[in-house]
C-alpha atoms as a PDB file:
ATOM      1  CA  MET A   1       1.559  22.329  30.635  1.00  0.00           C
ATOM      2  CA  LYS A   2       4.106  19.625  30.635  1.00  0.00           C
ATOM      3  CA  THR A   3       3.255  16.105  29.952  1.00  0.00           C
ATOM      4  CA  SER A   4       4.633  12.543  31.136  1.00  0.00           C
ATOM      5  CA  GLY A   5       3.345   9.544  29.474  1.00  0.00           C
ATOM      6  CA  PHE A   6       5.050   6.708  31.095  1.00  0.00           C
ATOM      7  CA  GLN A   7       2.710   3.531  31.886  1.00  0.00           C
ATOM      8  CA  ILE A   8       2.739   2.210  35.162  1.00  0.00           C
ATOM      9  CA  TRP A   9       2.426  -1.286  35.707  1.00  0.00           C
ATOM     10  CA  ALA A  10       0.737  -3.236  39.244  1.00  0.00           C
ATOM     11  CA  VAL A  11       2.919  -6.137  40.527  1.00  0.00           C
ATOM     12  CA  LEU A  12       0.318  -8.609  41.446  1.00  0.00           C
ATOM     13  CA  ASN A  13       1.457 -11.732  42.916  1.00  0.00           C
ATOM     14  CA  LEU A  14      -0.868 -14.818  43.033  1.00  0.00           C
ATOM     15  CA  THR A  15       2.274 -16.265  45.611  1.00  0.00           C
ATOM     16  CA  PRO A  16       3.282 -17.299  49.180  1.00  0.00           C
ATOM     17  CA  ASP A  17       7.097 -16.261  49.214  1.00  0.00           C
ATOM     18  CA  SER A  18       7.536 -12.917  46.842  1.00  0.00           C
ATOM     19  CA  PHE A  19      10.304 -10.765  48.781  1.00  0.00           C
ATOM     20  CA  TYR A  20       7.432  -7.699  49.135  1.00  0.00           C
ATOM     21  CA  PRO A  21       4.557  -9.211  50.974  1.00  0.00           C
ATOM     22  CA  GLY A  22       2.129  -6.253  49.672  1.00  0.00           C
ATOM     23  CA  SER A  23       2.483  -7.490  46.394  1.00  0.00           C
ATOM     24  CA  ARG A  24       1.235 -11.410  47.387  1.00  0.00           C
ATOM     25  CA  VAL A  25      -2.569 -11.581  47.026  1.00  0.00           C
ATOM     26  CA  ASP A  26      -4.614 -14.477  47.426  1.00  0.00           C
ATOM     27  CA  SER A  27      -7.099 -15.863  44.887  1.00  0.00           C
ATOM     28  CA  GLY A  28     -10.101 -14.809  46.912  1.00  0.00           C
ATOM     29  CA  ASP A  29      -9.094 -11.294  47.227  1.00  0.00           C
ATOM     30  CA  PHE A  30      -7.420 -10.988  43.354  1.00  0.00           C
ATOM     31  CA  VAL A  31      -9.903  -9.288  41.592  1.00  0.00           C
ATOM     32  CA  LYS A  32     -10.826  -6.575  43.786  1.00  0.00           C
ATOM     33  CA  ARG A  33      -7.550  -5.976  44.277  1.00  0.00           C
ATOM     34  CA  CYS A  34      -6.828  -5.821  40.423  1.00  0.00           C
ATOM     35  CA  LEU A  35      -9.864  -3.246  40.401  1.00  0.00           C
ATOM     36  CA  GLN A  36      -8.280  -1.286  43.261  1.00  0.00           C
ATOM     37  CA  CYS A  37      -4.953  -1.040  41.457  1.00  0.00           C
ATOM     38  CA  LEU A  38      -6.849   0.439  37.965  1.00  0.00           C
ATOM     39  CA  SER A  39      -8.387   2.467  39.969  1.00  0.00           C
ATOM     40  CA  ASP A  40      -5.688   4.190  41.782  1.00  0.00           C
ATOM     41  CA  GLY A  41      -3.556   4.699  38.139  1.00  0.00           C
ATOM     42  CA  ALA A  42      -2.767   1.589  37.200  1.00  0.00           C
ATOM     43  CA  ASP A  43      -2.320   1.173  32.962  1.00  0.00           C
ATOM     44  CA  VAL A  44      -1.549  -2.746  33.079  1.00  0.00           C
ATOM     45  CA  LEU A  45      -1.530  -5.518  35.964  1.00  0.00           C
ATOM     46  CA  ASP A  46       1.481  -7.170  35.937  1.00  0.00           C
ATOM     47  CA  ILE A  47       0.616 -10.770  37.325  1.00  0.00           C
ATOM     48  CA  GLY A  48       2.764 -13.308  38.274  1.00  0.00           C
ATOM     49  CA  ALA A  49       2.807 -17.073  39.943  1.00  0.00           C
ATOM     50  CA  GLU A  50       6.453 -17.852  40.619  1.00  0.00           C
ATOM     51  CA  SER A  51       8.524 -15.638  42.487  1.00  0.00           C
ATOM     52  CA  THR A  52      11.777 -14.686  40.991  1.00  0.00           C
ATOM     53  CA  ARG A  53      13.550 -13.055  44.086  1.00  0.00           C
ATOM     54  CA  PRO A  54      16.993 -14.273  44.391  1.00  0.00           C
ATOM     55  CA  PHE A  55      17.702 -17.633  45.803  1.00  0.00           C
ATOM     56  CA  SER A  56      14.119 -18.982  45.120  1.00  0.00           C
ATOM     57  CA  ASP A  57      12.637 -22.194  44.294  1.00  0.00           C
ATOM     58  CA  PRO A  58      11.027 -22.551  40.898  1.00  0.00           C
ATOM     59  CA  VAL A  59       7.351 -23.842  40.772  1.00  0.00           C
ATOM     60  CA  SER A  60       6.250 -26.417  38.191  1.00  0.00           C
ATOM     61  CA  ALA A  61       4.398 -25.253  34.672  1.00  0.00           C
ATOM     62  CA  GLU A  62       1.176 -27.470  36.174  1.00  0.00           C
ATOM     63  CA  GLU A  63       1.424 -25.522  39.599  1.00  0.00           C
ATOM     64  CA  GLU A  64       2.294 -21.910  38.129  1.00  0.00           C
ATOM     65  CA  TRP A  65      -1.135 -22.099  35.705  1.00  0.00           C
ATOM     66  CA  HIS A  66      -3.166 -23.803  38.684  1.00  0.00           C
ATOM     67  CA  ARG A  67      -2.629 -20.655  40.533  1.00  0.00           C
ATOM     68  CA  LEU A  68      -3.317 -18.424  37.209  1.00  0.00           C
ATOM     69  CA  ASN A  69      -6.386 -20.002  35.856  1.00  0.00           C
ATOM     70  CA  GLN A  70      -8.926 -18.934  38.077  1.00  0.00           C
ATOM     71  CA  PRO A  71      -8.439 -15.785  39.223  1.00  0.00           C
ATOM     72  CA  LEU A  72      -7.757 -14.882  35.616  1.00  0.00           C
ATOM     73  CA  SER A  73     -10.850 -15.903  34.467  1.00  0.00           C
ATOM     74  CA  ASP A  74     -12.624 -13.987  36.876  1.00  0.00           C
ATOM     75  CA  LEU A  75     -11.243 -11.129  36.449  1.00  0.00           C
ATOM     76  CA  LYS A  76     -11.753 -11.279  32.408  1.00  0.00           C
ATOM     77  CA  THR A  77     -15.505 -11.995  33.602  1.00  0.00           C
ATOM     78  CA  GLU A  78     -14.816  -9.018  35.717  1.00  0.00           C
ATOM     79  CA  ILE A  79     -13.791  -6.340  33.087  1.00  0.00           C
ATOM     80  CA  GLY A  80     -14.182  -7.957  29.723  1.00  0.00           C
ATOM     81  CA  ALA A  81     -12.101  -9.726  27.176  1.00  0.00           C
ATOM     82  CA  ASP A  82     -10.858  -6.103  25.506  1.00  0.00           C
ATOM     83  CA  GLU A  83     -10.057  -4.580  28.597  1.00  0.00           C
ATOM     84  CA  PHE A  84      -8.442  -7.736  29.632  1.00  0.00           C
ATOM     85  CA  ARG A  85      -6.286  -8.500  26.571  1.00  0.00           C
ATOM     86  CA  ARG A  86      -5.287  -4.592  27.122  1.00  0.00           C
ATOM     87  CA  ARG A  87      -4.891  -4.502  30.459  1.00  0.00           C
ATOM     88  CA  VAL A  88      -3.256  -7.944  31.490  1.00  0.00           C
ATOM     89  CA  SER A  89       0.694  -8.949  31.424  1.00  0.00           C
ATOM     90  CA  ILE A  90       1.914 -12.479  32.459  1.00  0.00           C
ATOM     91  CA  ASP A  91       4.948 -12.629  34.227  1.00  0.00           C
ATOM     92  CA  THR A  92       6.566 -15.833  33.029  1.00  0.00           C
ATOM     93  CA  TYR A  93       9.484 -17.428  31.180  1.00  0.00           C
ATOM     94  CA  LYS A  94       7.612 -21.028  30.408  1.00  0.00           C
ATOM     95  CA  GLY A  95       6.413 -21.623  26.929  1.00  0.00           C
ATOM     96  CA  GLY A  96       2.948 -23.518  27.949  1.00  0.00           C
ATOM     97  CA  THR A  97       1.984 -20.973  30.629  1.00  0.00           C
ATOM     98  CA  ALA A  98       2.721 -18.363  28.644  1.00  0.00           C
ATOM     99  CA  ARG A  99       0.555 -19.558  25.586  1.00  0.00           C
ATOM    100  CA  LYS A 100      -2.613 -20.360  28.223  1.00  0.00           C
ATOM    101  CA  ALA A 101      -2.328 -16.819  29.162  1.00  0.00           C
ATOM    102  CA  LEU A 102      -2.364 -15.420  25.800  1.00  0.00           C
ATOM    103  CA  GLU A 103      -5.397 -18.012  24.793  1.00  0.00           C
ATOM    104  CA  LEU A 104      -7.440 -16.941  27.760  1.00  0.00           C
ATOM    105  CA  GLY A 105      -6.749 -13.314  26.702  1.00  0.00           C
ATOM    106  CA  ALA A 106      -3.887 -11.486  27.831  1.00  0.00           C
ATOM    107  CA  GLY A 107      -2.327  -9.269  25.765  1.00  0.00           C
ATOM    108  CA  ILE A 108       1.325  -9.228  27.422  1.00  0.00           C
ATOM    109  CA  ILE A 109       4.165 -11.264  28.136  1.00  0.00           C
ATOM    110  CA  ASN A 110       6.825 -10.094  30.720  1.00  0.00           C
ATOM    111  CA  ASP A 111       9.287 -12.716  30.340  1.00  0.00           C
ATOM    112  CA  VAL A 112      12.610 -12.543  33.000  1.00  0.00           C
ATOM    113  CA  GLY A 113      14.466 -14.804  30.912  1.00  0.00           C
ATOM    114  CA  GLY A 114      14.435 -12.663  28.100  1.00  0.00           C
ATOM    115  CA  GLY A 115      12.935 -14.772  25.395  1.00  0.00           C
ATOM    116  CA  GLN A 116      15.231 -18.135  25.553  1.00  0.00           C
ATOM    117  CA  SER A 117      11.852 -20.388  25.000  1.00  0.00           C
ATOM    118  CA  PRO A 118      11.080 -20.483  21.476  1.00  0.00           C
ATOM    119  CA  GLU A 119       7.721 -21.406  22.168  1.00  0.00           C
ATOM    120  CA  LEU A 120       7.033 -18.741  24.504  1.00  0.00           C
ATOM    121  CA  LEU A 121       8.474 -16.563  21.404  1.00  0.00           C
ATOM    122  CA  GLN A 122       5.932 -18.232  19.040  1.00  0.00           C
ATOM    123  CA  ALA A 123       2.964 -18.073  21.127  1.00  0.00           C
ATOM    124  CA  VAL A 124       3.634 -14.258  21.374  1.00  0.00           C
ATOM    125  CA  ALA A 125       3.674 -14.219  17.366  1.00  0.00           C
ATOM    126  CA  GLU A 126       0.819 -16.145  16.866  1.00  0.00           C
ATOM    127  CA  TYR A 127      -1.740 -13.890  19.470  1.00  0.00           C
ATOM    128  CA  LYS A 128       0.432 -10.451  18.676  1.00  0.00           C
ATOM    129  CA  ALA A 129       0.723  -9.892  21.862  1.00  0.00           C
ATOM    130  CA  GLY A 130       3.673  -7.599  23.470  1.00  0.00           C
ATOM    131  CA  ILE A 131       6.616  -8.874  25.404  1.00  0.00           C
ATOM    132  CA  VAL A 132       9.075  -7.642  27.788  1.00  0.00           C
ATOM    133  CA  LEU A 133      12.573  -9.010  27.425  1.00  0.00           C
ATOM    134  CA  MET A 134      14.188  -9.045  30.523  1.00  0.00           C
ATOM    135  CA  HIS A 135      17.985  -9.549  31.094  1.00  0.00           C
ATOM    136  CA  CYS A 136      19.114 -11.951  34.291  1.00  0.00           C
ATOM    137  CA  ARG A 137      22.717 -13.624  34.680  1.00  0.00           C
ATOM    138  CA  GLY A 138      21.580 -16.733  35.572  1.00  0.00           C
ATOM    139  CA  ASN A 139      18.493 -17.957  37.580  1.00  0.00           C
ATOM    140  CA  PRO A 140      16.659 -16.907  40.414  1.00  0.00           C
ATOM    141  CA  LYS A 141      17.760 -19.420  42.429  1.00  0.00           C
ATOM    142  CA  GLU A 142      22.094 -18.577  42.402  1.00  0.00           C
ATOM    143  CA  MET A 143      21.666 -15.193  40.277  1.00  0.00           C
ATOM    144  CA  GLN A 144      22.454 -12.912  43.094  1.00  0.00           C
ATOM    145  CA  VAL A 145      25.928 -15.389  44.205  1.00  0.00           C
ATOM    146  CA  ASN A 146      29.056 -13.305  43.055  1.00  0.00           C
ATOM    147  CA  PRO A 147      27.248 -11.889  39.881  1.00  0.00           C
ATOM    148  CA  VAL A 148      30.466 -10.543  36.930  1.00  0.00           C
ATOM    149  CA  TYR A 149      30.591  -8.433  34.486  1.00  0.00           C
ATOM    150  CA  ASP A 150      33.677  -6.674  32.609  1.00  0.00           C
ATOM    151  CA  ASP A 151      30.994  -4.004  31.780  1.00  0.00           C
ATOM    152  CA  VAL A 152      27.663  -4.461  32.800  1.00  0.00           C
ATOM    153  CA  VAL A 153      25.948  -1.696  30.802  1.00  0.00           C
ATOM    154  CA  GLY A 154      27.363  -3.074  27.458  1.00  0.00           C
ATOM    155  CA  GLU A 155      26.743  -6.628  28.094  1.00  0.00           C
ATOM    156  CA  VAL A 156      23.006  -6.291  29.053  1.00  0.00           C
ATOM    157  CA  LEU A 157      22.651  -4.261  26.084  1.00  0.00           C
ATOM    158  CA  ALA A 158      24.014  -7.033  24.032  1.00  0.00           C
ATOM    159  CA  PHE A 159      21.681  -9.316  25.039  1.00  0.00           C
ATOM    160  CA  LEU A 160      18.394  -7.393  24.634  1.00  0.00           C
ATOM    161  CA  GLN A 161      19.465  -6.967  21.201  1.00  0.00           C
ATOM    162  CA  ASP A 162      20.519 -10.321  20.731  1.00  0.00           C
ATOM    163  CA  ARG A 163      17.185 -11.933  22.029  1.00  0.00           C
ATOM    164  CA  THR A 164      15.550  -8.899  20.481  1.00  0.00           C
ATOM    165  CA  ALA A 165      17.002 -10.423  17.155  1.00  0.00           C
ATOM    166  CA  ALA A 166      15.590 -13.388  18.107  1.00  0.00           C
ATOM    167  CA  ALA A 167      11.782 -12.568  18.536  1.00  0.00           C
ATOM    168  CA  LEU A 168      11.937 -10.265  15.696  1.00  0.00           C
ATOM    169  CA  GLU A 169      12.285 -13.724  13.723  1.00  0.00           C
ATOM    170  CA  HIS A 170       9.823 -15.484  15.144  1.00  0.00           C
ATOM    171  CA  GLY A 171       8.055 -12.703  14.183  1.00  0.00           C
ATOM    172  CA  ILE A 172       6.916 -10.426  17.141  1.00  0.00           C
ATOM    173  CA  ALA A 173       6.392  -6.761  15.446  1.00  0.00           C
ATOM    174  CA  PRO A 174       9.229  -4.395  16.960  1.00  0.00           C
ATOM    175  CA  GLN A 175       6.586  -2.120  18.481  1.00  0.00           C
ATOM    176  CA  ASN A 176       5.134  -5.024  20.621  1.00  0.00           C
ATOM    177  CA  ILE A 177       8.838  -5.322  22.305  1.00  0.00           C
ATOM    178  CA  ILE A 178       9.834  -3.507  25.917  1.00  0.00           C
ATOM    179  CA  TRP A 179      13.300  -3.921  27.250  1.00  0.00           C
ATOM    180  CA  ASP A 180      14.166  -4.302  30.825  1.00  0.00           C
ATOM    181  CA  CYS A 181      17.720  -4.016  31.771  1.00  0.00           C
ATOM    182  CA  GLY A 182      16.915  -6.400  35.013  1.00  0.00           C
ATOM    183  CA  ILE A 183      17.524  -4.379  37.949  1.00  0.00           C
ATOM    184  CA  GLY A 184      18.369  -6.494  40.958  1.00  0.00           C
ATOM    185  CA  PHE A 185      18.604  -9.983  38.798  1.00  0.00           C
ATOM    186  CA  GLY A 186      22.547 -10.763  38.898  1.00  0.00           C
ATOM    187  CA  LYS A 187      23.856  -7.944  39.681  1.00  0.00           C
ATOM    188  CA  THR A 188      25.509  -5.966  42.820  1.00  0.00           C
ATOM    189  CA  LEU A 189      24.649  -2.594  43.697  1.00  0.00           C
ATOM    190  CA  ASP A 190      27.640  -0.902  41.202  1.00  0.00           C
ATOM    191  CA  HIS A 191      26.021  -2.874  38.521  1.00  0.00           C
ATOM    192  CA  ASN A 192      22.103  -1.519  39.327  1.00  0.00           C
ATOM    193  CA  LEU A 193      23.504   1.696  39.563  1.00  0.00           C
ATOM    194  CA  ALA A 194      25.426   1.605  36.177  1.00  0.00           C
ATOM    195  CA  LEU A 195      22.238   0.740  34.894  1.00  0.00           C
ATOM    196  CA  LEU A 196      20.273   3.146  36.552  1.00  0.00           C
ATOM    197  CA  ASN A 197      22.677   5.920  35.012  1.00  0.00           C
ATOM    198  CA  SER A 198      22.304   4.678  31.715  1.00  0.00           C
ATOM    199  CA  VAL A 199      18.765   5.067  30.704  1.00  0.00           C
ATOM    200  CA  GLY A 200      20.335   7.012  27.672  1.00  0.00           C
ATOM    201  CA  ARG A 201      21.994   4.176  25.605  1.00  0.00           C
ATOM    202  CA  PHE A 202      19.090   1.872  26.200  1.00  0.00           C
ATOM    203  CA  GLN A 203      17.007   4.621  24.651  1.00  0.00           C
ATOM    204  CA  GLU A 204      19.164   4.464  21.417  1.00  0.00           C
ATOM    205  CA  ALA A 205      17.817   1.275  20.378  1.00  0.00           C
ATOM    206  CA  GLY A 206      14.508   2.730  19.749  1.00  0.00           C
ATOM    207  CA  TYR A 207      12.818   0.226  22.169  1.00  0.00           C
ATOM    208  CA  ARG A 208      10.382   0.679  25.190  1.00  0.00           C
ATOM    209  CA  LEU A 209      11.844   0.687  28.152  1.00  0.00           C
ATOM    210  CA  LEU A 210      10.622  -0.957  31.540  1.00  0.00           C
ATOM    211  CA  TYR A 211      12.525   0.027  34.936  1.00  0.00           C
ATOM    212  CA  GLY A 212      11.325  -2.070  37.830  1.00  0.00           C
ATOM    213  CA  ILE A 213      13.461  -0.774  40.851  1.00  0.00           C
ATOM    214  CA  SER A 214      10.259  -1.060  43.440  1.00  0.00           C
ATOM    215  CA  ARG A 215      11.420  -2.011  47.347  1.00  0.00           C
ATOM    216  CA  LYS A 216      13.933  -3.591  45.780  1.00  0.00           C
ATOM    217  CA  SER A 217      17.519  -4.566  47.897  1.00  0.00           C
ATOM    218  CA  PHE A 218      19.915  -2.746  46.667  1.00  0.00           C
ATOM    219  CA  ILE A 219      17.774   0.424  47.748  1.00  0.00           C
ATOM    220  CA  ASP A 220      18.760  -1.271  51.584  1.00  0.00           C
ATOM    221  CA  LYS A 221      22.194  -1.464  50.211  1.00  0.00           C
ATOM    222  CA  MET A 222      22.194   2.311  49.508  1.00  0.00           C
ATOM    223  CA  LEU A 223      20.229   3.376  52.522  1.00  0.00           C
ATOM    224  CA  ASN A 224      20.880   0.758  55.229  1.00  0.00           C
ATOM    225  CA  LEU A 225      17.039  -0.439  54.726  1.00  0.00           C
ATOM    226  CA  PRO A 226      16.298  -3.971  55.502  1.00  0.00           C
ATOM    227  CA  ASP A 227      12.953  -3.603  56.104  1.00  0.00           C
ATOM    228  CA  VAL A 228      11.254  -3.888  52.862  1.00  0.00           C
ATOM    229  CA  ALA A 229       8.352  -1.882  54.386  1.00  0.00           C
ATOM    230  CA  LEU A 230      10.598   1.387  54.850  1.00  0.00           C
ATOM    231  CA  ARG A 231      11.948   0.984  51.332  1.00  0.00           C
ATOM    232  CA  ARG A 232       8.786   2.893  49.720  1.00  0.00           C
ATOM    233  CA  ASP A 233       9.874   6.674  49.731  1.00  0.00           C
ATOM    234  CA  PRO A 234      13.432   6.034  47.882  1.00  0.00           C
ATOM    235  CA  SER A 235      11.504   4.018  45.344  1.00  0.00           C
ATOM    236  CA  MET A 236       8.909   6.824  44.723  1.00  0.00           C
ATOM    237  CA  ILE A 237      12.448   9.092  44.558  1.00  0.00           C
ATOM    238  CA  LEU A 238      14.197   6.354  42.004  1.00  0.00           C
ATOM    239  CA  HIS A 239      10.909   6.525  40.064  1.00  0.00           C
ATOM    240  CA  THR A 240      10.662  10.440  39.909  1.00  0.00           C
ATOM    241  CA  ILE A 241      14.185  10.640  38.240  1.00  0.00           C
ATOM    242  CA  LEU A 242      13.410   7.467  36.273  1.00  0.00           C
ATOM    243  CA  ALA A 243      10.141   9.209  34.570  1.00  0.00           C
ATOM    244  CA  ALA A 244      12.056  12.290  34.006  1.00  0.00           C
ATOM    245  CA  LYS A 245      15.026  10.674  32.631  1.00  0.00           C
ATOM    246  CA  GLY A 246      12.018   9.405  29.919  1.00  0.00           C
ATOM    247  CA  VAL A 247      11.588   5.250  30.713  1.00  0.00           C
ATOM    248  CA  ASP A 248       8.176   4.752  29.270  1.00  0.00           C
ATOM    249  CA  ILE A 249       7.144   2.283  32.153  1.00  0.00           C
ATOM    250  CA  LEU A 250       7.620   1.849  36.024  1.00  0.00           C
ATOM    251  CA  ARG A 251       6.844  -1.533  37.525  1.00  0.00           C
ATOM    252  CA  VAL A 252       5.355  -0.440  40.853  1.00  0.00           C
ATOM    253  CA  HIS A 253       4.111  -1.850  44.299  1.00  0.00           C
ATOM    254  CA  ASP A 254       2.864   1.307  45.284  1.00  0.00           C
ATOM    255  CA  VAL A 255       0.591   2.220  42.157  1.00  0.00           C
ATOM    256  CA  ALA A 256      -1.494   5.525  44.298  1.00  0.00           C
ATOM    257  CA  GLU A 257       2.049   7.195  44.774  1.00  0.00           C
ATOM    258  CA  THR A 258       3.399   6.487  41.730  1.00  0.00           C
ATOM    259  CA  ALA A 259       0.296   7.725  39.715  1.00  0.00           C
ATOM    260  CA  MET A 260       1.139  10.978  42.203  1.00  0.00           C
ATOM    261  CA  ILE A 261       4.185  11.923  40.015  1.00  0.00           C
ATOM    262  CA  ARG A 262       2.672  11.215  36.972  1.00  0.00           C
ATOM    263  CA  GLU A 263       0.198  14.078  37.805  1.00  0.00           C
ATOM    264  CA  ILE A 264       2.674  16.412  39.324  1.00  0.00           C
ATOM    265  CA  LEU A 265       5.146  15.989  36.369  1.00  0.00           C
ATOM    266  CA  LYS A 266       2.546  16.821  34.345  1.00  0.00           C
ATOM    267  CA  TYR A 267       2.826  20.615  35.759  1.00  0.00           C
ATOM    268  CA  VAL A 268       6.760  20.568  36.197  1.00  0.00           C
ATOM    269  CA  GLY A 269       9.849  18.668  35.945  1.00  0.00           C
END
């Protein structure tokens, strides 16, 4: 029997404006949704409280933590401190939010800013937590306004190497660092396709590799699917391809369907 060891990270957004409505969850249903994702096969719950979709407006650190605090506390009570640390990732680039989440007991910070905040890196190091370093050209408000690269793969790789050096200098252990090339974050369709076709280049560095492609707009540009509700099946095809390439982590909206891919790849692939 073959094995396929990729992890599934479930996207859960305590926001009113994340690009896929199915990822949005209000505080009253939050714990129930988290438990369902775990039951469906999620290894990690990636929880955010600020939309980073293209052209989105930022929220204050105070508002971000206000959205997170009670739902996270409720989840920790429900699943216990050990599972909370193992299963919970907080999607934030703000140092203060990261520190509060780690103090509460979360075990991973997913930073779309790639570790630009020294405060965030210091907190991750202090709590011996995991960190996702993601590449983004610019910020969500303007990242999709004519992004230009001379060599998108080389430039993204150089960025991740630079931010990894900063993380290591702050004392974050190499085994706690995860790379994300940032599909859809300051990239055109051609940029995204180049990154999807260059998994091996990123794997050479030896860090765990995360791809987040689920239902994103580049799928519309490939297949003329402006309705995000119709992008599930193409997302599953791409997840299968990425899993076959040996990607370590898939960040997904459709947990049960991705878990089926993982089960099938234990037998064939």
